[in-house]
Amino acid sequence: MRHPRGTGTFRIRIDCRTPGQSNTYPRTGIWAHPGLQKSTIWCYSGDLASGKTINYGT
């Protein structure tokens, strides 16, 4: 995910779960600079993403 503008940093966080399980585990991308970098993350093979959050830094 690329954030379009700004001067701070951001990163993407997703919650993942194994099919058939109710527990989730977090996966977090790198801190990135808006307009210059992407913060990308995915679940482990076969698992499903169940939520997404963008964290903002300074």
PDB file of N, CA and C in Angstrom:
ATOM      1  N   MET A   1       0.843  -1.164   0.000  1.00  0.00           N
ATOM      2  CA  MET A   1       0.000   0.000   0.000  1.00  0.00           C
ATOM      3  C   MET A   1       0.891   1.231   0.000  1.00  0.00           C
ATOM      4  N   ARG A   2       0.608   2.159  -0.883  1.00  0.00           N
ATOM      5  CA  ARG A   2       1.373   3.393  -0.970  1.00  0.00           C
ATOM      6  C   ARG A   2       0.498   4.540  -0.483  1.00  0.00           C
ATOM      7  N   HIS A   3       0.977   5.279   0.488  1.00  0.00           N
ATOM      8  CA  HIS A   3       0.260   6.444   1.002  1.00  0.00           C
ATOM      9  C   HIS A   3       0.586   7.613   0.084  1.00  0.00           C
ATOM     10  N   PRO A   4      -0.420   8.369  -0.394  1.00  0.00           N
ATOM     11  CA  PRO A   4      -0.195   9.354  -1.443  1.00  0.00           C
ATOM     12  C   PRO A   4       0.569  10.612  -1.083  1.00  0.00           C
ATOM     13  N   ARG A   5       0.528  11.052   0.156  1.00  0.00           N
ATOM     14  CA  ARG A   5       1.206  12.312   0.470  1.00  0.00           C
ATOM     15  C   ARG A   5       1.552  12.362   1.955  1.00  0.00           C
ATOM     16  N   GLY A   6       2.330  13.353   2.335  1.00  0.00           N
ATOM     17  CA  GLY A   6       2.692  13.523   3.738  1.00  0.00           C
ATOM     18  C   GLY A   6       4.200  13.539   3.924  1.00  0.00           C
ATOM     19  N   THR A   7       4.622  13.808   5.148  1.00  0.00           N
ATOM     20  CA  THR A   7       6.046  13.909   5.415  1.00  0.00           C
ATOM     21  C   THR A   7       6.528  12.913   6.462  1.00  0.00           C
ATOM     22  N   GLY A   8       5.628  12.174   7.082  1.00  0.00           N
ATOM     23  CA  GLY A   8       6.023  11.204   8.104  1.00  0.00           C
ATOM     24  C   GLY A   8       6.265   9.839   7.493  1.00  0.00           C
ATOM     25  N   THR A   9       5.974   8.816   8.263  1.00  0.00           N
ATOM     26  CA  THR A   9       6.098   7.444   7.797  1.00  0.00           C
ATOM     27  C   THR A   9       4.796   6.701   8.097  1.00  0.00           C
ATOM     28  N   PHE A  10       4.634   5.567   7.455  1.00  0.00           N
ATOM     29  CA  PHE A  10       3.453   4.744   7.680  1.00  0.00           C
ATOM     30  C   PHE A  10       3.828   3.281   7.461  1.00  0.00           C
ATOM     31  N   ARG A  11       2.996   2.397   7.960  1.00  0.00           N
ATOM     32  CA  ARG A  11       3.159   0.973   7.665  1.00  0.00           C
ATOM     33  C   ARG A  11       1.793   0.302   7.731  1.00  0.00           C
ATOM     34  N   ILE A  12       1.669  -0.772   6.993  1.00  0.00           N
ATOM     35  CA  ILE A  12       0.424  -1.528   6.964  1.00  0.00           C
ATOM     36  C   ILE A  12       0.521  -2.685   7.948  1.00  0.00           C
ATOM     37  N   ARG A  13      -0.594  -3.000   8.578  1.00  0.00           N
ATOM     38  CA  ARG A  13      -0.683  -4.143   9.488  1.00  0.00           C
ATOM     39  C   ARG A  13      -1.939  -4.909   9.126  1.00  0.00           C
ATOM     40  N   ILE A  14      -1.832  -6.226   9.019  1.00  0.00           N
ATOM     41  CA  ILE A  14      -2.998  -7.059   8.762  1.00  0.00           C
ATOM     42  C   ILE A  14      -3.099  -8.135   9.830  1.00  0.00           C
ATOM     43  N   ASP A  15      -4.312  -8.566  10.073  1.00  0.00           N
ATOM     44  CA  ASP A  15      -4.553  -9.713  10.940  1.00  0.00           C
ATOM     45  C   ASP A  15      -4.826 -10.903  10.027  1.00  0.00           C
ATOM     46  N   CYS A  16      -4.177 -12.007  10.293  1.00  0.00           N
ATOM     47  CA  CYS A  16      -4.307 -13.212   9.476  1.00  0.00           C
ATOM     48  C   CYS A  16      -4.850 -14.339  10.336  1.00  0.00           C
ATOM     49  N   ARG A  17      -5.487 -15.301   9.675  1.00  0.00           N
ATOM     50  CA  ARG A  17      -5.936 -16.492  10.391  1.00  0.00           C
ATOM     51  C   ARG A  17      -5.859 -17.698   9.475  1.00  0.00           C
ATOM     52  N   THR A  18      -5.643 -18.838  10.080  1.00  0.00           N
ATOM     53  CA  THR A  18      -5.634 -20.109   9.366  1.00  0.00           C
ATOM     54  C   THR A  18      -7.088 -20.531   9.167  1.00  0.00           C
ATOM     55  N   PRO A  19      -7.478 -20.971   7.959  1.00  0.00           N
ATOM     56  CA  PRO A  19      -8.862 -21.411   7.748  1.00  0.00           C
ATOM     57  C   PRO A  19      -9.282 -22.453   8.797  1.00  0.00           C
ATOM     58  N   GLY A  20     -10.481 -22.289   9.328  1.00  0.00           N
ATOM     59  CA  GLY A  20     -10.985 -23.191  10.358  1.00  0.00           C
ATOM     60  C   GLY A  20     -10.591 -22.810  11.770  1.00  0.00           C
ATOM     61  N   GLN A  21      -9.738 -21.803  11.924  1.00  0.00           N
ATOM     62  CA  GLN A  21      -9.296 -21.328  13.240  1.00  0.00           C
ATOM     63  C   GLN A  21      -9.917 -19.960  13.507  1.00  0.00           C
ATOM     64  N   SER A  22     -10.169 -19.648  14.769  1.00  0.00           N
ATOM     65  CA  SER A  22     -10.704 -18.328  15.106  1.00  0.00           C
ATOM     66  C   SER A  22      -9.615 -17.364  15.564  1.00  0.00           C
ATOM     67  N   ASN A  23      -8.474 -17.879  16.007  1.00  0.00           N
ATOM     68  CA  ASN A  23      -7.365 -17.033  16.457  1.00  0.00           C
ATOM     69  C   ASN A  23      -6.701 -16.358  15.268  1.00  0.00           C
ATOM     70  N   THR A  24      -6.276 -15.117  15.461  1.00  0.00           N
ATOM     71  CA  THR A  24      -5.557 -14.393  14.417  1.00  0.00           C
ATOM     72  C   THR A  24      -4.134 -14.118  14.881  1.00  0.00           C
ATOM     73  N   TYR A  25      -3.284 -13.808  13.917  1.00  0.00           N
ATOM     74  CA  TYR A  25      -1.918 -13.378  14.219  1.00  0.00           C
ATOM     75  C   TYR A  25      -1.615 -12.150  13.367  1.00  0.00           C
ATOM     76  N   PRO A  26      -0.873 -11.181  13.929  1.00  0.00           N
ATOM     77  CA  PRO A  26      -0.590  -9.944  13.190  1.00  0.00           C
ATOM     78  C   PRO A  26       0.614 -10.107  12.260  1.00  0.00           C
ATOM     79  N   ARG A  27       0.575  -9.390  11.153  1.00  0.00           N
ATOM     80  CA  ARG A  27       1.715  -9.272  10.239  1.00  0.00           C
ATOM     81  C   ARG A  27       1.844  -7.784   9.938  1.00  0.00           C
ATOM     82  N   THR A  28       3.060  -7.259  10.016  1.00  0.00           N
ATOM     83  CA  THR A  28       3.292  -5.819   9.869  1.00  0.00           C
ATOM     84  C   THR A  28       4.343  -5.565   8.805  1.00  0.00           C
ATOM     85  N   GLY A  29       4.059  -4.605   7.912  1.00  0.00           N
ATOM     86  CA  GLY A  29       5.005  -4.213   6.877  1.00  0.00           C
ATOM     87  C   GLY A  29       6.059  -3.259   7.411  1.00  0.00           C
ATOM     88  N   ILE A  30       6.974  -2.878   6.535  1.00  0.00           N
ATOM     89  CA  ILE A  30       8.042  -1.957   6.916  1.00  0.00           C
ATOM     90  C   ILE A  30       7.507  -0.535   7.074  1.00  0.00           C
ATOM     91  N   TRP A  31       8.223   0.286   7.852  1.00  0.00           N
ATOM     92  CA  TRP A  31       7.923   1.709   7.889  1.00  0.00           C
ATOM     93  C   TRP A  31       8.359   2.282   6.539  1.00  0.00           C
ATOM     94  N   ALA A  32       7.483   3.045   5.903  1.00  0.00           N
ATOM     95  CA  ALA A  32       7.760   3.579   4.574  1.00  0.00           C
ATOM     96  C   ALA A  32       7.497   5.073   4.542  1.00  0.00           C
ATOM     97  N   HIS A  33       8.112   5.751   3.576  1.00  0.00           N
ATOM     98  CA  HIS A  33       7.925   7.193   3.385  1.00  0.00           C
ATOM     99  C   HIS A  33       6.877   7.419   2.299  1.00  0.00           C
ATOM    100  N   PRO A  34       5.877   8.269   2.579  1.00  0.00           N
ATOM    101  CA  PRO A  34       4.789   8.510   1.639  1.00  0.00           C
ATOM    102  C   PRO A  34       5.290   8.937   0.257  1.00  0.00           C
ATOM    103  N   GLY A  35       4.714   8.345  -0.773  1.00  0.00           N
ATOM    104  CA  GLY A  35       5.052   8.698  -2.144  1.00  0.00           C
ATOM    105  C   GLY A  35       6.358   8.118  -2.647  1.00  0.00           C
ATOM    106  N   LEU A  36       7.172   7.524  -1.772  1.00  0.00           N
ATOM    107  CA  LEU A  36       8.475   6.997  -2.172  1.00  0.00           C
ATOM    108  C   LEU A  36       8.581   5.483  -2.043  1.00  0.00           C
ATOM    109  N   GLN A  37       7.889   4.923  -1.085  1.00  0.00           N
ATOM    110  CA  GLN A  37       8.013   3.498  -0.793  1.00  0.00           C
ATOM    111  C   GLN A  37       6.643   2.874  -0.588  1.00  0.00           C
ATOM    112  N   LYS A  38       6.610   1.554  -0.632  1.00  0.00           N
ATOM    113  CA  LYS A  38       5.413   0.793  -0.314  1.00  0.00           C
ATOM    114  C   LYS A  38       5.646   0.023   0.979  1.00  0.00           C
ATOM    115  N   SER A  39       4.601  -0.123   1.749  1.00  0.00           N
ATOM    116  CA  SER A  39       4.622  -1.018   2.899  1.00  0.00           C
ATOM    117  C   SER A  39       3.715  -2.183   2.526  1.00  0.00           C
ATOM    118  N   THR A  40       4.304  -3.342   2.315  1.00  0.00           N
ATOM    119  CA  THR A  40       3.566  -4.498   1.828  1.00  0.00           C
ATOM    120  C   THR A  40       3.750  -5.666   2.785  1.00  0.00           C
ATOM    121  N   ILE A  41       2.682  -6.375   3.026  1.00  0.00           N
ATOM    122  CA  ILE A  41       2.749  -7.570   3.865  1.00  0.00           C
ATOM    123  C   ILE A  41       1.642  -8.513   3.436  1.00  0.00           C
ATOM    124  N   TRP A  42       1.822  -9.784   3.697  1.00  0.00           N
ATOM    125  CA  TRP A  42       0.798 -10.773   3.361  1.00  0.00           C
ATOM    126  C   TRP A  42       0.796 -11.843   4.437  1.00  0.00           C
ATOM    127  N   CYS A  43      -0.262 -12.642   4.445  1.00  0.00           N
ATOM    128  CA  CYS A  43      -0.368 -13.760   5.380  1.00  0.00           C
ATOM    129  C   CYS A  43       0.483 -14.917   4.881  1.00  0.00           C
ATOM    130  N   TYR A  44       0.761 -15.840   5.769  1.00  0.00           N
ATOM    131  CA  TYR A  44       1.478 -17.041   5.372  1.00  0.00           C
ATOM    132  C   TYR A  44       0.633 -17.832   4.375  1.00  0.00           C
ATOM    133  N   SER A  45       1.256 -18.646   3.569  1.00  0.00           N
ATOM    134  CA  SER A  45       0.606 -19.404   2.505  1.00  0.00           C
ATOM    135  C   SER A  45      -0.623 -20.160   3.016  1.00  0.00           C
ATOM    136  N   GLY A  46      -1.758 -19.935   2.358  1.00  0.00           N
ATOM    137  CA  GLY A  46      -2.999 -20.620   2.692  1.00  0.00           C
ATOM    138  C   GLY A  46      -3.832 -19.929   3.750  1.00  0.00           C
ATOM    139  N   ASP A  47      -3.268 -18.942   4.435  1.00  0.00           N
ATOM    140  CA  ASP A  47      -4.011 -18.233   5.473  1.00  0.00           C
ATOM    141  C   ASP A  47      -4.759 -17.041   4.880  1.00  0.00           C
ATOM    142  N   LEU A  48      -5.719 -16.527   5.638  1.00  0.00           N
ATOM    143  CA  LEU A  48      -6.606 -15.466   5.161  1.00  0.00           C
ATOM    144  C   LEU A  48      -6.402 -14.175   5.940  1.00  0.00           C
ATOM    145  N   ALA A  49      -6.458 -13.050   5.242  1.00  0.00           N
ATOM    146  CA  ALA A  49      -6.409 -11.739   5.901  1.00  0.00           C
ATOM    147  C   ALA A  49      -7.799 -11.422   6.442  1.00  0.00           C
ATOM    148  N   SER A  50      -7.863 -10.967   7.693  1.00  0.00           N
ATOM    149  CA  SER A  50      -9.170 -10.693   8.285  1.00  0.00           C
ATOM    150  C   SER A  50      -9.316  -9.254   8.757  1.00  0.00           C
ATOM    151  N   GLY A  51      -8.325  -8.423   8.573  1.00  0.00           N
ATOM    152  CA  GLY A  51      -8.422  -7.026   8.964  1.00  0.00           C
ATOM    153  C   GLY A  51      -7.187  -6.266   8.510  1.00  0.00           C
ATOM    154  N   LYS A  52      -7.318  -4.951   8.350  1.00  0.00           N
ATOM    155  CA  LYS A  52      -6.199  -4.114   7.885  1.00  0.00           C
ATOM    156  C   LYS A  52      -6.177  -2.820   8.679  1.00  0.00           C
ATOM    157  N   THR A  53      -4.982  -2.389   9.063  1.00  0.00           N
ATOM    158  CA  THR A  53      -4.784  -1.130   9.773  1.00  0.00           C
ATOM    159  C   THR A  53      -3.574  -0.425   9.176  1.00  0.00           C
ATOM    160  N   ILE A  54      -3.620   0.905   9.119  1.00  0.00           N
ATOM    161  CA  ILE A  54      -2.455   1.685   8.720  1.00  0.00           C
ATOM    162  C   ILE A  54      -1.962   2.424   9.949  1.00  0.00           C
ATOM    163  N   ASN A  55      -0.692   2.209  10.317  1.00  0.00           N
ATOM    164  CA  ASN A  55      -0.074   2.924  11.419  1.00  0.00           C
ATOM    165  C   ASN A  55       0.719   4.096  10.868  1.00  0.00           C
ATOM    166  N   TYR A  56       0.629   5.248  11.531  1.00  0.00           N
ATOM    167  CA  TYR A  56       1.356   6.434  11.090  1.00  0.00           C
ATOM    168  C   TYR A  56       2.437   6.781  12.106  1.00  0.00           C
ATOM    169  N   GLY A  57       3.612   7.103  11.610  1.00  0.00           N
ATOM    170  CA  GLY A  57       4.726   7.513  12.462  1.00  0.00           C
ATOM    171  C   GLY A  57       5.009   8.979  12.259  1.00  0.00           C
ATOM    172  N   THR A  58       6.181   9.423  12.701  1.00  0.00           N
ATOM    173  CA  THR A  58       6.540  10.838  12.549  1.00  0.00           C
ATOM    174  C   THR A  58       7.713  10.978  11.600  1.00  0.00           C
TER     175      THR A  58
END
